[in-house]
Amino acid sequence: MAAEQRYIILSDNEFTLSLQSFRRTHQGVLPDGDIVNWAVGDKGTVSITINSEDEQGTKQTVFALTPGRVINILTRFCVENNIPIPRESTKRWTMRKAGIALSISLESITLEGISTAEATFI
């Protein structure tokens, strides 16, 4: 059975921008404020450090994203940047030397009701 494995790698800056974009479209997932940095945490989490201002000054909050949420953020980045991702694919995230990566695995899909010759021209 044929299989495909792809990695879409985001630089630190691109991932920070994707966090900001996700926060705009998913209210309440991340607190308001400036995203100072992010780091890989335990068990597939990503820790986000956010600075926010209040009456007492600057407050720093560390917020952990679950592995599933990180995949959602990376997938949204791809959608916003017109990077096609098969819906049926298995998605994971991993760290690479170049940055955080969305790993996409896709096994061969059977086209029901279509002969091999017809499938060649689709």
C-alpha atoms as a PDB file:
ATOM      1  CA  MET A   1       0.000   0.000   0.000  1.00  0.00           C
ATOM      2  CA  ALA A   2       1.379   3.408  -0.970  1.00  0.00           C
ATOM      3  CA  ALA A   3       1.780   6.072   1.685  1.00  0.00           C
ATOM      4  CA  GLU A   4       2.757   9.737   1.766  1.00  0.00           C
ATOM      5  CA  GLN A   5       4.589  11.568   4.546  1.00  0.00           C
ATOM      6  CA  ARG A   6       4.945  15.366   4.482  1.00  0.00           C
ATOM      7  CA  TYR A   7       6.260  17.981   6.875  1.00  0.00           C
ATOM      8  CA  ILE A   8       5.214  21.605   6.843  1.00  0.00           C
ATOM      9  CA  ILE A   9       7.792  23.453   8.902  1.00  0.00           C
ATOM     10  CA  LEU A  10       7.135  26.862  10.447  1.00  0.00           C
ATOM     11  CA  SER A  11       9.885  29.160  11.671  1.00  0.00           C
ATOM     12  CA  ASP A  12       9.641  30.557  15.205  1.00  0.00           C
ATOM     13  CA  ASN A  13       8.207  33.795  13.812  1.00  0.00           C
ATOM     14  CA  GLU A  14       5.666  31.988  11.618  1.00  0.00           C
ATOM     15  CA  PHE A  15       4.454  29.920  14.565  1.00  0.00           C
ATOM     16  CA  THR A  16       4.112  33.042  16.712  1.00  0.00           C
ATOM     17  CA  LEU A  17       2.060  34.656  13.923  1.00  0.00           C
ATOM     18  CA  SER A  18      -0.069  31.511  13.683  1.00  0.00           C
ATOM     19  CA  LEU A  19      -0.720  31.705  17.452  1.00  0.00           C
ATOM     20  CA  GLN A  20      -1.869  35.310  17.081  1.00  0.00           C
ATOM     21  CA  SER A  21      -4.119  34.394  14.161  1.00  0.00           C
ATOM     22  CA  PHE A  22      -5.617  31.432  16.028  1.00  0.00           C
ATOM     23  CA  ARG A  23      -6.286  33.633  19.049  1.00  0.00           C
ATOM     24  CA  ARG A  24      -8.216  36.125  16.862  1.00  0.00           C
ATOM     25  CA  THR A  25     -10.435  33.391  15.423  1.00  0.00           C
ATOM     26  CA  HIS A  26     -10.830  31.290  18.591  1.00  0.00           C
ATOM     27  CA  GLN A  27     -11.712  33.667  21.409  1.00  0.00           C
ATOM     28  CA  GLY A  28     -10.795  32.454  24.893  1.00  0.00           C
ATOM     29  CA  VAL A  29      -8.204  29.852  23.882  1.00  0.00           C
ATOM     30  CA  LEU A  30      -5.248  32.113  24.692  1.00  0.00           C
ATOM     31  CA  PRO A  31      -5.307  35.107  27.029  1.00  0.00           C
ATOM     32  CA  ASP A  32      -4.927  38.614  25.585  1.00  0.00           C
ATOM     33  CA  GLY A  33      -1.471  40.158  25.538  1.00  0.00           C
ATOM     34  CA  ASP A  34       1.835  39.996  23.722  1.00  0.00           C
ATOM     35  CA  ILE A  35       3.193  36.552  22.945  1.00  0.00           C
ATOM     36  CA  VAL A  36       6.753  36.782  24.259  1.00  0.00           C
ATOM     37  CA  ASN A  37       7.927  33.275  23.410  1.00  0.00           C
ATOM     38  CA  TRP A  38       6.951  29.646  23.162  1.00  0.00           C
ATOM     39  CA  ALA A  39       8.704  26.421  24.026  1.00  0.00           C
ATOM     40  CA  VAL A  40       8.081  22.706  23.772  1.00  0.00           C
ATOM     41  CA  GLY A  41       6.741  21.365  27.040  1.00  0.00           C
ATOM     42  CA  ASP A  42       6.191  17.894  28.448  1.00  0.00           C
ATOM     43  CA  LYS A  43       4.127  15.204  26.714  1.00  0.00           C
ATOM     44  CA  GLY A  44       3.635  17.067  23.448  1.00  0.00           C
ATOM     45  CA  THR A  45       2.469  20.351  24.918  1.00  0.00           C
ATOM     46  CA  VAL A  46       3.664  23.806  23.925  1.00  0.00           C
ATOM     47  CA  SER A  47       4.105  26.469  26.598  1.00  0.00           C
ATOM     48  CA  ILE A  48       3.268  30.026  25.560  1.00  0.00           C
ATOM     49  CA  THR A  49       4.531  33.013  27.570  1.00  0.00           C
ATOM     50  CA  ILE A  50       2.220  36.028  27.323  1.00  0.00           C
ATOM     51  CA  ASN A  51       2.756  39.518  28.758  1.00  0.00           C
ATOM     52  CA  SER A  52      -0.363  41.517  29.566  1.00  0.00           C
ATOM     53  CA  GLU A  53      -0.884  44.959  31.058  1.00  0.00           C
ATOM     54  CA  ASP A  54      -3.201  45.844  33.929  1.00  0.00           C
ATOM     55  CA  GLU A  55      -3.451  48.589  36.571  1.00  0.00           C
ATOM     56  CA  GLN A  56      -0.572  47.050  38.519  1.00  0.00           C
ATOM     57  CA  GLY A  57       1.804  46.827  35.550  1.00  0.00           C
ATOM     58  CA  THR A  58       2.977  44.016  33.333  1.00  0.00           C
ATOM     59  CA  LYS A  59       1.855  40.517  34.204  1.00  0.00           C
ATOM     60  CA  GLN A  60       3.483  37.441  32.674  1.00  0.00           C
ATOM     61  CA  THR A  61       1.428  34.281  32.181  1.00  0.00           C
ATOM     62  CA  VAL A  62       2.606  30.887  30.976  1.00  0.00           C
ATOM     63  CA  PHE A  63      -0.113  28.986  29.193  1.00  0.00           C
ATOM     64  CA  ALA A  64       0.131  25.348  28.015  1.00  0.00           C
ATOM     65  CA  LEU A  65      -1.420  24.146  24.750  1.00  0.00           C
ATOM     66  CA  THR A  66      -2.398  20.502  24.397  1.00  0.00           C
ATOM     67  CA  PRO A  67      -0.959  18.484  21.478  1.00  0.00           C
ATOM     68  CA  GLY A  68      -4.364  18.531  19.764  1.00  0.00           C
ATOM     69  CA  ARG A  69      -4.592  22.319  20.033  1.00  0.00           C
ATOM     70  CA  VAL A  70      -1.094  22.683  18.554  1.00  0.00           C
ATOM     71  CA  ILE A  71      -2.196  20.562  15.588  1.00  0.00           C
ATOM     72  CA  ASN A  72      -5.292  22.771  15.197  1.00  0.00           C
ATOM     73  CA  ILE A  73      -3.098  25.884  15.156  1.00  0.00           C
ATOM     74  CA  LEU A  74      -0.705  24.412  12.575  1.00  0.00           C
ATOM     75  CA  THR A  75      -3.606  23.213  10.426  1.00  0.00           C
ATOM     76  CA  ARG A  76      -5.218  26.652  10.533  1.00  0.00           C
ATOM     77  CA  PHE A  77      -1.910  28.187   9.409  1.00  0.00           C
ATOM     78  CA  CYS A  78      -1.931  25.884   6.392  1.00  0.00           C
ATOM     79  CA  VAL A  79      -5.536  26.752   5.517  1.00  0.00           C
ATOM     80  CA  GLU A  80      -4.854  30.503   5.783  1.00  0.00           C
ATOM     81  CA  ASN A  81      -1.771  30.164   3.581  1.00  0.00           C
ATOM     82  CA  ASN A  82      -3.400  27.940   0.948  1.00  0.00           C
ATOM     83  CA  ILE A  83      -1.286  24.904   1.801  1.00  0.00           C
ATOM     84  CA  PRO A  84      -3.432  21.882   0.930  1.00  0.00           C
ATOM     85  CA  ILE A  85      -3.842  19.209   3.600  1.00  0.00           C
ATOM     86  CA  PRO A  86      -5.879  16.046   3.035  1.00  0.00           C
ATOM     87  CA  ARG A  87      -8.722  15.799   5.556  1.00  0.00           C
ATOM     88  CA  GLU A  88      -8.242  12.021   5.811  1.00  0.00           C
ATOM     89  CA  SER A  89      -4.598  12.381   6.835  1.00  0.00           C
ATOM     90  CA  THR A  90      -3.111  11.595  10.213  1.00  0.00           C
ATOM     91  CA  LYS A  91      -1.684  14.782  11.700  1.00  0.00           C
ATOM     92  CA  ARG A  92       0.983  15.123  14.363  1.00  0.00           C
ATOM     93  CA  TRP A  93       3.394  17.844  15.292  1.00  0.00           C
ATOM     94  CA  THR A  94       7.099  17.554  15.897  1.00  0.00           C
ATOM     95  CA  MET A  95      10.119  19.791  16.392  1.00  0.00           C
ATOM     96  CA  ARG A  96      12.714  20.011  13.642  1.00  0.00           C
ATOM     97  CA  LYS A  97      15.961  21.968  13.522  1.00  0.00           C
ATOM     98  CA  ALA A  98      14.258  24.541  11.291  1.00  0.00           C
ATOM     99  CA  GLY A  99      11.194  24.935  13.557  1.00  0.00           C
ATOM    100  CA  ILE A 100       7.907  23.384  14.569  1.00  0.00           C
ATOM    101  CA  ALA A 101       6.458  21.014  11.966  1.00  0.00           C
ATOM    102  CA  LEU A 102       3.074  19.621  11.091  1.00  0.00           C
ATOM    103  CA  SER A 103       3.577  15.985  10.117  1.00  0.00           C
ATOM    104  CA  ILE A 104       1.003  14.691   7.636  1.00  0.00           C
ATOM    105  CA  SER A 105       0.659  10.972   6.872  1.00  0.00           C
ATOM    106  CA  LEU A 106      -1.653   9.655   4.197  1.00  0.00           C
ATOM    107  CA  GLU A 107      -2.174   6.056   3.199  1.00  0.00           C
ATOM    108  CA  SER A 108      -3.488   5.135  -0.229  1.00  0.00           C
ATOM    109  CA  ILE A 109      -7.197   5.891  -0.613  1.00  0.00           C
ATOM    110  CA  THR A 110      -9.439   3.420  -2.431  1.00  0.00           C
ATOM    111  CA  LEU A 111     -11.701   5.147  -4.915  1.00  0.00           C
ATOM    112  CA  GLU A 112     -14.902   3.144  -4.635  1.00  0.00           C
ATOM    113  CA  GLY A 113     -16.895   2.736  -7.817  1.00  0.00           C
ATOM    114  CA  ILE A 114     -14.155   4.051 -10.091  1.00  0.00           C
ATOM    115  CA  SER A 115     -12.090   1.762 -12.257  1.00  0.00           C
ATOM    116  CA  THR A 116      -8.311   2.143 -12.393  1.00  0.00           C
ATOM    117  CA  ALA A 117      -8.435   3.555 -15.940  1.00  0.00           C
ATOM    118  CA  GLU A 118     -11.049   6.146 -14.940  1.00  0.00           C
ATOM    119  CA  ALA A 119      -9.136   7.117 -11.814  1.00  0.00           C
ATOM    120  CA  THR A 120      -6.058   7.904 -13.911  1.00  0.00           C
ATOM    121  CA  PHE A 121      -7.880  10.806 -15.580  1.00  0.00           C
ATOM    122  CA  ILE A 122      -9.455  12.349 -12.479  1.00  0.00           C
END
